[in-house]
Amino acid sequence: MRWITDPWGYGFFRHGVLAAVLAGGLCGLVGVYVVLRRLSAIGHGLAHSVFGGAVVGYSLGSSLYVFGGLWGACSVLLINAMSRRRRIGGDAAIGIVTTASFALGVAIISRGHSFTRNFEAALFGNILGVTTTDLWVLVGVSAVAAVAVVLGYRQLLFITFDEAAAGTFGVPTRAIDVGFAVVLAAVIVATMRVLGVTLIASAIVTPAVAARLTSRSFGRVLAISVAVGAACGLAGMYVSYYYDVASGATITLVATAVFGLTYLAVGVRDRRVARPVTARPLSAR
């Protein structure tokens, strides 16, 4: 059992595991709503947009977290305004705004070679280099996201199942959409240094999809997705430590392997009862 306990003697590993578990569980939590509401595109796009905002903020001497989060929130509002008022499709608005933000960040980096290395972690993740500040940011965003989900559980559930009906019953769908996107932007900012913007979208989507295949209960899918995300973070850290592979990429590959095994297991089960391998209708329990 020494292979399990030995890495815990290093402070960087303990910090890395805590960051990976928090980031994985946090991504799994918001990922359920992203997947069920078919918002995967905005999750991927916001990661690139937040990166651009973080670079702008750093070049201005501002906090990476604060400026990146504000930039992401503004991107959400701009995408929402473009898609609703100018007859531009949501996917097109996402592509225009988020790609422009990412390009702006790349352009600034190319001009300021002195801080190019500072954003390698933001692009590709550097979980073994997380600081105490990074951990506190993860804890804070995780608490806010959990409280938001608990307080808005019924409304989010209603919108997830039938957004049009939710609107007719007085649920403020637009405000909730914007609020959720802002929380998603905060999640991306908090996990950016851990997973990297190139891998965050996978960390958000993959555990939720795997959980979706295993249960028809919305509450169970939510719990399973959080557990899968956290477990993949823990397992990915061990694989990264022993095989000297980038931690963010390893966590993503572990989550993909879990999804693949889940898909195969569900396929075998469904063949036994003569049903296709498809996600079953979700219940509100």
C-alpha atoms as a PDB file:
ATOM      1  CA  MET A   1       0.000   0.000   0.000  1.00  0.00           C
ATOM      2  CA  ARG A   2       3.032   2.286   0.054  1.00  0.00           C
ATOM      3  CA  TRP A   3       2.289   3.443  -3.478  1.00  0.00           C
ATOM      4  CA  ILE A   4      -0.880   5.039  -2.069  1.00  0.00           C
ATOM      5  CA  THR A   5       0.646   6.634   1.016  1.00  0.00           C
ATOM      6  CA  ASP A   6       4.135   7.644  -0.172  1.00  0.00           C
ATOM      7  CA  PRO A   7       3.064  10.635  -2.349  1.00  0.00           C
ATOM      8  CA  TRP A   8       1.272  12.202   0.635  1.00  0.00           C
ATOM      9  CA  GLY A   9       4.632  12.966   2.176  1.00  0.00           C
ATOM     10  CA  TYR A  10       5.048  15.810  -0.332  1.00  0.00           C
ATOM     11  CA  GLY A  11       3.284  19.106   0.213  1.00  0.00           C
ATOM     12  CA  PHE A  12       2.844  19.791  -3.490  1.00  0.00           C
ATOM     13  CA  PHE A  13       1.008  16.465  -3.879  1.00  0.00           C
ATOM     14  CA  ARG A  14      -1.341  17.180  -0.975  1.00  0.00           C
ATOM     15  CA  HIS A  15      -2.157  20.605  -2.409  1.00  0.00           C
ATOM     16  CA  GLY A  16      -2.558  19.100  -5.859  1.00  0.00           C
ATOM     17  CA  VAL A  17      -4.945  16.378  -4.683  1.00  0.00           C
ATOM     18  CA  LEU A  18      -7.104  18.873  -2.808  1.00  0.00           C
ATOM     19  CA  ALA A  19      -7.216  21.137  -5.862  1.00  0.00           C
ATOM     20  CA  ALA A  20      -7.987  18.218  -8.198  1.00  0.00           C
ATOM     21  CA  VAL A  21     -10.801  16.866  -6.030  1.00  0.00           C
ATOM     22  CA  LEU A  22     -12.363  20.300  -5.582  1.00  0.00           C
ATOM     23  CA  ALA A  23     -12.037  21.159  -9.277  1.00  0.00           C
ATOM     24  CA  GLY A  24     -13.388  17.779 -10.372  1.00  0.00           C
ATOM     25  CA  GLY A  25     -16.383  17.905  -8.057  1.00  0.00           C
ATOM     26  CA  LEU A  26     -17.115  21.526  -8.966  1.00  0.00           C
ATOM     27  CA  CYS A  27     -17.007  20.803 -12.695  1.00  0.00           C
ATOM     28  CA  GLY A  28     -19.202  17.752 -12.163  1.00  0.00           C
ATOM     29  CA  LEU A  29     -21.767  19.858 -10.303  1.00  0.00           C
ATOM     30  CA  VAL A  30     -22.255  22.511 -12.980  1.00  0.00           C
ATOM     31  CA  GLY A  31     -21.684  19.971 -15.751  1.00  0.00           C
ATOM     32  CA  VAL A  32     -25.045  18.286 -15.182  1.00  0.00           C
ATOM     33  CA  TYR A  33     -26.915  21.473 -16.043  1.00  0.00           C
ATOM     34  CA  VAL A  34     -24.570  22.196 -18.950  1.00  0.00           C
ATOM     35  CA  VAL A  35     -25.130  18.746 -20.466  1.00  0.00           C
ATOM     36  CA  LEU A  36     -28.871  18.444 -19.850  1.00  0.00           C
ATOM     37  CA  ARG A  37     -29.535  21.924 -21.230  1.00  0.00           C
ATOM     38  CA  ARG A  38     -27.228  21.337 -24.202  1.00  0.00           C
ATOM     39  CA  LEU A  39     -24.926  24.227 -23.253  1.00  0.00           C
ATOM     40  CA  SER A  40     -21.658  22.433 -23.929  1.00  0.00           C
ATOM     41  CA  ALA A  41     -20.748  24.999 -26.584  1.00  0.00           C
ATOM     42  CA  ILE A  42     -20.951  27.916 -24.167  1.00  0.00           C
ATOM     43  CA  GLY A  43     -18.900  26.006 -21.595  1.00  0.00           C
ATOM     44  CA  HIS A  44     -16.125  25.478 -24.105  1.00  0.00           C
ATOM     45  CA  GLY A  45     -16.386  29.015 -25.435  1.00  0.00           C
ATOM     46  CA  LEU A  46     -16.387  30.667 -22.012  1.00  0.00           C
ATOM     47  CA  ALA A  47     -13.137  28.917 -21.141  1.00  0.00           C
ATOM     48  CA  HIS A  48     -11.463  30.652 -24.077  1.00  0.00           C
ATOM     49  CA  SER A  49     -13.146  33.962 -23.295  1.00  0.00           C
ATOM     50  CA  VAL A  50     -12.060  33.892 -19.653  1.00  0.00           C
ATOM     51  CA  PHE A  51      -8.497  33.180 -20.730  1.00  0.00           C
ATOM     52  CA  GLY A  52      -8.506  36.312 -22.876  1.00  0.00           C
ATOM     53  CA  GLY A  53      -9.869  38.360 -19.987  1.00  0.00           C
ATOM     54  CA  ALA A  54      -7.259  36.956 -17.610  1.00  0.00           C
ATOM     55  CA  VAL A  55      -4.470  38.006 -19.984  1.00  0.00           C
ATOM     56  CA  VAL A  56      -5.923  41.505 -20.329  1.00  0.00           C
ATOM     57  CA  GLY A  57      -6.233  41.808 -16.559  1.00  0.00           C
ATOM     58  CA  TYR A  58      -2.684  40.598 -15.976  1.00  0.00           C
ATOM     59  CA  SER A  59      -1.294  43.064 -18.508  1.00  0.00           C
ATOM     60  CA  LEU A  60      -3.132  45.871 -16.679  1.00  0.00           C
ATOM     61  CA  GLY A  61      -1.811  44.758 -13.295  1.00  0.00           C
ATOM     62  CA  SER A  62      -5.186  43.492 -12.108  1.00  0.00           C
ATOM     63  CA  SER A  63      -6.070  40.196 -10.430  1.00  0.00           C
ATOM     64  CA  LEU A  64      -6.280  37.272 -12.839  1.00  0.00           C
ATOM     65  CA  TYR A  65      -9.277  35.885 -10.982  1.00  0.00           C
ATOM     66  CA  VAL A  66     -11.233  39.117 -10.602  1.00  0.00           C
ATOM     67  CA  PHE A  67     -10.670  40.467 -14.098  1.00  0.00           C
ATOM     68  CA  GLY A  68     -11.080  37.053 -15.737  1.00  0.00           C
ATOM     69  CA  GLY A  69     -14.369  36.503 -13.918  1.00  0.00           C
ATOM     70  CA  LEU A  70     -15.711  39.935 -14.813  1.00  0.00           C
ATOM     71  CA  TRP A  71     -14.641  39.472 -18.419  1.00  0.00           C
ATOM     72  CA  GLY A  72     -16.438  36.123 -18.536  1.00  0.00           C
ATOM     73  CA  ALA A  73     -19.601  37.629 -17.058  1.00  0.00           C
ATOM     74  CA  CYS A  74     -19.518  40.470 -19.605  1.00  0.00           C
ATOM     75  CA  SER A  75     -19.016  37.926 -22.372  1.00  0.00           C
ATOM     76  CA  VAL A  76     -22.135  36.085 -21.221  1.00  0.00           C
ATOM     77  CA  LEU A  77     -24.190  39.282 -21.233  1.00  0.00           C
ATOM     78  CA  LEU A  78     -22.907  40.218 -24.686  1.00  0.00           C
ATOM     79  CA  ILE A  79     -23.646  36.768 -26.091  1.00  0.00           C
ATOM     80  CA  ASN A  80     -27.123  36.881 -24.574  1.00  0.00           C
ATOM     81  CA  ALA A  81     -27.817  40.344 -26.021  1.00  0.00           C
ATOM     82  CA  MET A  82     -26.537  39.414 -29.495  1.00  0.00           C
ATOM     83  CA  SER A  83     -28.496  36.194 -29.708  1.00  0.00           C
ATOM     84  CA  ARG A  84     -31.784  37.691 -28.472  1.00  0.00           C
ATOM     85  CA  ARG A  85     -31.881  41.143 -30.092  1.00  0.00           C
ATOM     86  CA  ARG A  86     -30.014  40.904 -33.366  1.00  0.00           C
ATOM     87  CA  ARG A  87     -31.408  37.669 -34.741  1.00  0.00           C
ATOM     88  CA  ILE A  88     -28.046  36.014 -34.421  1.00  0.00           C
ATOM     89  CA  GLY A  89     -27.986  32.372 -33.442  1.00  0.00           C
ATOM     90  CA  GLY A  90     -26.632  31.557 -30.005  1.00  0.00           C
ATOM     91  CA  ASP A  91     -23.900  29.329 -31.414  1.00  0.00           C
ATOM     92  CA  ALA A  92     -22.770  32.083 -33.770  1.00  0.00           C
ATOM     93  CA  ALA A  93     -22.716  34.671 -30.961  1.00  0.00           C
ATOM     94  CA  ILE A  94     -20.679  32.295 -28.795  1.00  0.00           C
ATOM     95  CA  GLY A  95     -18.206  31.718 -31.603  1.00  0.00           C
ATOM     96  CA  ILE A  96     -17.739  35.421 -32.339  1.00  0.00           C
ATOM     97  CA  VAL A  97     -17.402  36.722 -28.768  1.00  0.00           C
ATOM     98  CA  THR A  98     -15.345  33.928 -27.223  1.00  0.00           C
ATOM     99  CA  THR A  99     -12.984  33.496 -30.160  1.00  0.00           C
ATOM    100  CA  ALA A 100     -12.339  37.242 -30.283  1.00  0.00           C
ATOM    101  CA  SER A 101     -11.555  37.235 -26.549  1.00  0.00           C
ATOM    102  CA  PHE A 102      -9.161  34.318 -26.884  1.00  0.00           C
ATOM    103  CA  ALA A 103      -7.471  35.927 -29.898  1.00  0.00           C
ATOM    104  CA  LEU A 104      -7.024  39.160 -27.932  1.00  0.00           C
ATOM    105  CA  GLY A 105      -5.298  37.234 -25.159  1.00  0.00           C
ATOM    106  CA  VAL A 106      -2.990  35.447 -27.602  1.00  0.00           C
ATOM    107  CA  ALA A 107      -2.153  38.760 -29.296  1.00  0.00           C
ATOM    108  CA  ILE A 108      -1.209  40.379 -25.967  1.00  0.00           C
ATOM    109  CA  ILE A 109       0.936  37.392 -24.996  1.00  0.00           C
ATOM    110  CA  SER A 110       2.744  37.519 -28.329  1.00  0.00           C
ATOM    111  CA  ARG A 111       3.594  41.161 -27.683  1.00  0.00           C
ATOM    112  CA  GLY A 112       4.713  40.703 -24.087  1.00  0.00           C
ATOM    113  CA  HIS A 113       7.158  37.827 -24.260  1.00  0.00           C
ATOM    114  CA  SER A 114       8.257  38.460 -20.672  1.00  0.00           C
ATOM    115  CA  PHE A 115       5.084  36.900 -19.252  1.00  0.00           C
ATOM    116  CA  THR A 116       4.439  34.191 -21.838  1.00  0.00           C
ATOM    117  CA  ARG A 117       5.352  31.435 -19.361  1.00  0.00           C
ATOM    118  CA  ASN A 118       2.948  32.812 -16.773  1.00  0.00           C
ATOM    119  CA  PHE A 119       0.020  31.638 -18.887  1.00  0.00           C
ATOM    120  CA  GLU A 120       1.255  28.167 -19.751  1.00  0.00           C
ATOM    121  CA  ALA A 121      -0.554  26.889 -16.646  1.00  0.00           C
ATOM    122  CA  ALA A 122      -3.726  28.741 -17.655  1.00  0.00           C
ATOM    123  CA  LEU A 123      -3.625  27.092 -21.080  1.00  0.00           C
ATOM    124  CA  PHE A 124      -2.594  23.565 -20.137  1.00  0.00           C
ATOM    125  CA  GLY A 125      -2.964  23.400 -16.355  1.00  0.00           C
ATOM    126  CA  ASN A 126      -0.325  23.080 -13.650  1.00  0.00           C
ATOM    127  CA  ILE A 127      -2.007  21.451 -10.695  1.00  0.00           C
ATOM    128  CA  LEU A 128       1.288  20.752  -8.925  1.00  0.00           C
ATOM    129  CA  GLY A 129       1.977  24.478  -8.846  1.00  0.00           C
ATOM    130  CA  VAL A 130      -1.272  25.566  -7.192  1.00  0.00           C
ATOM    131  CA  THR A 131      -0.905  28.038  -4.351  1.00  0.00           C
ATOM    132  CA  THR A 132      -2.851  28.520  -1.143  1.00  0.00           C
ATOM    133  CA  THR A 133      -4.690  31.375  -2.864  1.00  0.00           C
ATOM    134  CA  ASP A 134      -5.739  29.042  -5.680  1.00  0.00           C
ATOM    135  CA  LEU A 135      -7.115  26.579  -3.146  1.00  0.00           C
ATOM    136  CA  TRP A 136      -9.089  29.242  -1.303  1.00  0.00           C
ATOM    137  CA  VAL A 137     -10.542  30.476  -4.592  1.00  0.00           C
ATOM    138  CA  LEU A 138     -11.622  26.908  -5.395  1.00  0.00           C
ATOM    139  CA  VAL A 139     -13.190  26.510  -1.963  1.00  0.00           C
ATOM    140  CA  GLY A 140     -15.016  29.828  -2.257  1.00  0.00           C
ATOM    141  CA  VAL A 141     -16.383  29.191  -5.754  1.00  0.00           C
ATOM    142  CA  SER A 142     -17.379  25.637  -4.779  1.00  0.00           C
ATOM    143  CA  ALA A 143     -19.338  27.001  -1.804  1.00  0.00           C
ATOM    144  CA  VAL A 144     -21.063  29.642  -3.925  1.00  0.00           C
ATOM    145  CA  ALA A 145     -21.949  27.124  -6.653  1.00  0.00           C
ATOM    146  CA  ALA A 146     -23.295  24.630  -4.115  1.00  0.00           C
ATOM    147  CA  VAL A 147     -25.430  27.285  -2.409  1.00  0.00           C
ATOM    148  CA  ALA A 148     -26.738  28.509  -5.788  1.00  0.00           C
ATOM    149  CA  VAL A 149     -27.726  24.963  -6.784  1.00  0.00           C
ATOM    150  CA  VAL A 150     -29.426  24.275  -3.448  1.00  0.00           C
ATOM    151  CA  LEU A 151     -31.359  27.548  -3.349  1.00  0.00           C
ATOM    152  CA  GLY A 152     -32.314  27.450  -7.017  1.00  0.00           C
ATOM    153  CA  TYR A 153     -32.735  23.678  -7.311  1.00  0.00           C
ATOM    154  CA  ARG A 154     -36.431  23.641  -8.196  1.00  0.00           C
ATOM    155  CA  GLN A 155     -36.198  26.509 -10.666  1.00  0.00           C
ATOM    156  CA  LEU A 156     -33.140  25.040 -12.346  1.00  0.00           C
ATOM    157  CA  LEU A 157     -34.872  21.674 -12.478  1.00  0.00           C
ATOM    158  CA  PHE A 158     -38.000  23.209 -14.047  1.00  0.00           C
ATOM    159  CA  ILE A 159     -35.958  25.064 -16.670  1.00  0.00           C
ATOM    160  CA  THR A 160     -33.902  21.949 -17.431  1.00  0.00           C
ATOM    161  CA  PHE A 161     -37.005  19.879 -18.171  1.00  0.00           C
ATOM    162  CA  ASP A 162     -39.129  22.492 -19.938  1.00  0.00           C
ATOM    163  CA  GLU A 163     -37.844  26.055 -20.278  1.00  0.00           C
ATOM    164  CA  ALA A 164     -40.894  27.274 -22.171  1.00  0.00           C
ATOM    165  CA  ALA A 165     -43.319  26.000 -19.525  1.00  0.00           C
ATOM    166  CA  ALA A 166     -41.116  27.410 -16.764  1.00  0.00           C
ATOM    167  CA  GLY A 167     -41.440  30.862 -18.292  1.00  0.00           C
ATOM    168  CA  THR A 168     -45.228  30.661 -18.404  1.00  0.00           C
ATOM    169  CA  PHE A 169     -45.291  29.734 -14.707  1.00  0.00           C
ATOM    170  CA  GLY A 170     -43.366  32.871 -13.771  1.00  0.00           C
ATOM    171  CA  VAL A 171     -39.866  31.446 -13.505  1.00  0.00           C
ATOM    172  CA  PRO A 172     -37.405  34.211 -14.521  1.00  0.00           C
ATOM    173  CA  THR A 173     -35.685  32.106 -17.159  1.00  0.00           C
ATOM    174  CA  ARG A 174     -33.525  34.897 -18.620  1.00  0.00           C
ATOM    175  CA  ALA A 175     -32.215  35.985 -15.235  1.00  0.00           C
ATOM    176  CA  ILE A 176     -31.488  32.398 -14.250  1.00  0.00           C
ATOM    177  CA  ASP A 177     -29.739  31.744 -17.575  1.00  0.00           C
ATOM    178  CA  VAL A 178     -27.483  34.745 -17.066  1.00  0.00           C
ATOM    179  CA  GLY A 179     -26.900  33.889 -13.410  1.00  0.00           C
ATOM    180  CA  PHE A 180     -25.967  30.323 -14.241  1.00  0.00           C
ATOM    181  CA  ALA A 181     -23.605  31.451 -16.981  1.00  0.00           C
ATOM    182  CA  VAL A 182     -21.922  33.836 -14.518  1.00  0.00           C
ATOM    183  CA  VAL A 183     -21.476  30.961 -12.057  1.00  0.00           C
ATOM    184  CA  LEU A 184     -20.068  28.874 -14.911  1.00  0.00           C
ATOM    185  CA  ALA A 185     -17.606  31.663 -15.699  1.00  0.00           C
ATOM    186  CA  ALA A 186     -16.536  31.709 -12.034  1.00  0.00           C
ATOM    187  CA  VAL A 187     -16.027  27.932 -12.133  1.00  0.00           C
ATOM    188  CA  ILE A 188     -13.850  28.265 -15.209  1.00  0.00           C
ATOM    189  CA  VAL A 189     -11.750  31.008 -13.623  1.00  0.00           C
ATOM    190  CA  ALA A 190     -11.285  28.983 -10.432  1.00  0.00           C
ATOM    191  CA  THR A 191     -10.245  25.788 -12.245  1.00  0.00           C
ATOM    192  CA  MET A 192      -8.224  27.419 -15.038  1.00  0.00           C
ATOM    193  CA  ARG A 193      -4.833  27.066 -13.342  1.00  0.00           C
ATOM    194  CA  VAL A 194      -5.682  23.506 -12.306  1.00  0.00           C
ATOM    195  CA  LEU A 195      -6.959  22.039 -15.581  1.00  0.00           C
ATOM    196  CA  GLY A 196      -6.144  24.631 -18.238  1.00  0.00           C
ATOM    197  CA  VAL A 197      -8.641  26.272 -20.579  1.00  0.00           C
ATOM    198  CA  THR A 198      -7.987  23.643 -23.257  1.00  0.00           C
ATOM    199  CA  LEU A 199      -9.286  20.875 -20.940  1.00  0.00           C
ATOM    200  CA  ILE A 200     -11.933  22.527 -18.755  1.00  0.00           C
ATOM    201  CA  ALA A 201     -14.786  21.821 -21.175  1.00  0.00           C
ATOM    202  CA  SER A 202     -14.043  18.096 -21.031  1.00  0.00           C
ATOM    203  CA  ALA A 203     -13.886  18.163 -17.219  1.00  0.00           C
ATOM    204  CA  ILE A 204     -17.314  19.808 -17.148  1.00  0.00           C
ATOM    205  CA  VAL A 205     -19.016  17.584 -19.689  1.00  0.00           C
ATOM    206  CA  THR A 206     -17.529  14.085 -19.304  1.00  0.00           C
ATOM    207  CA  PRO A 207     -18.498  13.249 -15.674  1.00  0.00           C
ATOM    208  CA  ALA A 208     -22.022  14.557 -16.276  1.00  0.00           C
ATOM    209  CA  VAL A 209     -22.491  12.450 -19.408  1.00  0.00           C
ATOM    210  CA  ALA A 210     -21.207   9.349 -17.612  1.00  0.00           C
ATOM    211  CA  ALA A 211     -23.577  10.020 -14.712  1.00  0.00           C
ATOM    212  CA  ARG A 212     -26.465  10.602 -17.111  1.00  0.00           C
ATOM    213  CA  LEU A 213     -26.061   7.084 -18.491  1.00  0.00           C
ATOM    214  CA  THR A 214     -26.342   5.455 -15.080  1.00  0.00           C
ATOM    215  CA  SER A 215     -29.558   6.838 -13.637  1.00  0.00           C
ATOM    216  CA  ARG A 216     -32.953   8.283 -14.475  1.00  0.00           C
ATOM    217  CA  SER A 217     -33.129  10.359 -11.306  1.00  0.00           C
ATOM    218  CA  PHE A 218     -32.031  13.974 -11.635  1.00  0.00           C
ATOM    219  CA  GLY A 219     -30.822  14.120  -8.040  1.00  0.00           C
ATOM    220  CA  ARG A 220     -28.800  10.939  -8.443  1.00  0.00           C
ATOM    221  CA  VAL A 221     -27.260  12.147 -11.676  1.00  0.00           C
ATOM    222  CA  LEU A 222     -26.180  15.315  -9.880  1.00  0.00           C
ATOM    223  CA  ALA A 223     -24.613  13.367  -6.996  1.00  0.00           C
ATOM    224  CA  ILE A 224     -22.936  10.807  -9.274  1.00  0.00           C
ATOM    225  CA  SER A 225     -21.480  13.512 -11.504  1.00  0.00           C
ATOM    226  CA  VAL A 226     -19.909  15.301  -8.518  1.00  0.00           C
ATOM    227  CA  ALA A 227     -18.531  11.997  -7.188  1.00  0.00           C
ATOM    228  CA  VAL A 228     -17.144  10.967 -10.583  1.00  0.00           C
ATOM    229  CA  GLY A 229     -15.502  14.356 -11.104  1.00  0.00           C
ATOM    230  CA  ALA A 230     -13.862  14.285  -7.664  1.00  0.00           C
ATOM    231  CA  ALA A 231     -12.767  10.649  -8.016  1.00  0.00           C
ATOM    232  CA  CYS A 232     -11.253  11.300 -11.442  1.00  0.00           C
ATOM    233  CA  GLY A 233      -9.326  14.225  -9.963  1.00  0.00           C
ATOM    234  CA  LEU A 234      -7.917  11.980  -7.222  1.00  0.00           C
ATOM    235  CA  ALA A 235      -7.086   9.084  -9.544  1.00  0.00           C
ATOM    236  CA  GLY A 236      -5.630  11.423 -12.150  1.00  0.00           C
ATOM    237  CA  MET A 237      -3.233  12.874  -9.585  1.00  0.00           C
ATOM    238  CA  TYR A 238      -1.818   9.451  -8.781  1.00  0.00           C
ATOM    239  CA  VAL A 239      -1.382   8.576 -12.451  1.00  0.00           C
ATOM    240  CA  SER A 240       0.229  11.961 -13.075  1.00  0.00           C
ATOM    241  CA  TYR A 241       2.610  11.503 -10.136  1.00  0.00           C
ATOM    242  CA  TYR A 242       3.816   8.004 -11.005  1.00  0.00           C
ATOM    243  CA  TYR A 243       4.003   8.378 -14.782  1.00  0.00           C
ATOM    244  CA  ASP A 244       5.218  12.003 -14.872  1.00  0.00           C
ATOM    245  CA  VAL A 245       2.388  13.134 -17.164  1.00  0.00           C
ATOM    246  CA  ALA A 246       0.684  16.541 -17.145  1.00  0.00           C
ATOM    247  CA  SER A 247      -1.925  16.403 -14.386  1.00  0.00           C
ATOM    248  CA  GLY A 248      -4.705  18.252 -16.220  1.00  0.00           C
ATOM    249  CA  ALA A 249      -4.428  15.975 -19.239  1.00  0.00           C
ATOM    250  CA  THR A 250      -4.282  12.903 -17.014  1.00  0.00           C
ATOM    251  CA  ILE A 251      -7.434  13.846 -15.126  1.00  0.00           C
ATOM    252  CA  THR A 252      -9.221  14.381 -18.430  1.00  0.00           C
ATOM    253  CA  LEU A 253      -8.063  11.010 -19.788  1.00  0.00           C
ATOM    254  CA  VAL A 254      -9.141   9.238 -16.590  1.00  0.00           C
ATOM    255  CA  ALA A 255     -12.594  10.828 -16.876  1.00  0.00           C
ATOM    256  CA  THR A 256     -12.778   9.760 -20.519  1.00  0.00           C
ATOM    257  CA  ALA A 257     -11.868   6.198 -19.536  1.00  0.00           C
ATOM    258  CA  VAL A 258     -14.616   6.216 -16.902  1.00  0.00           C
ATOM    259  CA  PHE A 259     -17.092   7.390 -19.514  1.00  0.00           C
ATOM    260  CA  GLY A 260     -15.953   4.686 -21.941  1.00  0.00           C
ATOM    261  CA  LEU A 261     -16.320   1.936 -19.347  1.00  0.00           C
ATOM    262  CA  THR A 262     -19.715   3.282 -18.307  1.00  0.00           C
ATOM    263  CA  TYR A 263     -20.887   3.385 -21.913  1.00  0.00           C
ATOM    264  CA  LEU A 264     -19.775  -0.209 -22.492  1.00  0.00           C
ATOM    265  CA  ALA A 265     -21.388  -1.410 -19.254  1.00  0.00           C
ATOM    266  CA  VAL A 266     -24.673   0.295 -20.109  1.00  0.00           C
ATOM    267  CA  GLY A 267     -24.486  -1.201 -23.615  1.00  0.00           C
ATOM    268  CA  VAL A 268     -24.084  -4.716 -22.225  1.00  0.00           C
ATOM    269  CA  ARG A 269     -26.940  -4.190 -19.789  1.00  0.00           C
ATOM    270  CA  ASP A 270     -29.273  -2.795 -22.426  1.00  0.00           C
ATOM    271  CA  ARG A 271     -28.526  -5.623 -24.854  1.00  0.00           C
ATOM    272  CA  ARG A 272     -29.585  -8.115 -22.206  1.00  0.00           C
ATOM    273  CA  VAL A 273     -33.006  -6.507 -22.032  1.00  0.00           C
ATOM    274  CA  ALA A 274     -33.139  -5.840 -25.792  1.00  0.00           C
ATOM    275  CA  ARG A 275     -32.915  -2.038 -25.555  1.00  0.00           C
ATOM    276  CA  PRO A 276     -30.623   0.354 -27.448  1.00  0.00           C
ATOM    277  CA  VAL A 277     -27.705   2.137 -25.752  1.00  0.00           C
ATOM    278  CA  THR A 278     -29.388   5.487 -25.204  1.00  0.00           C
ATOM    279  CA  ALA A 279     -29.851   7.781 -22.265  1.00  0.00           C
ATOM    280  CA  ARG A 280     -33.179   7.048 -20.615  1.00  0.00           C
ATOM    281  CA  PRO A 281     -35.812   9.681 -19.892  1.00  0.00           C
ATOM    282  CA  LEU A 282     -34.841  11.646 -16.812  1.00  0.00           C
ATOM    283  CA  SER A 283     -37.126  11.908 -13.814  1.00  0.00           C
ATOM    284  CA  ALA A 284     -37.338  14.841 -11.447  1.00  0.00           C
ATOM    285  CA  ARG A 285     -36.502  12.798  -8.349  1.00  0.00           C
END
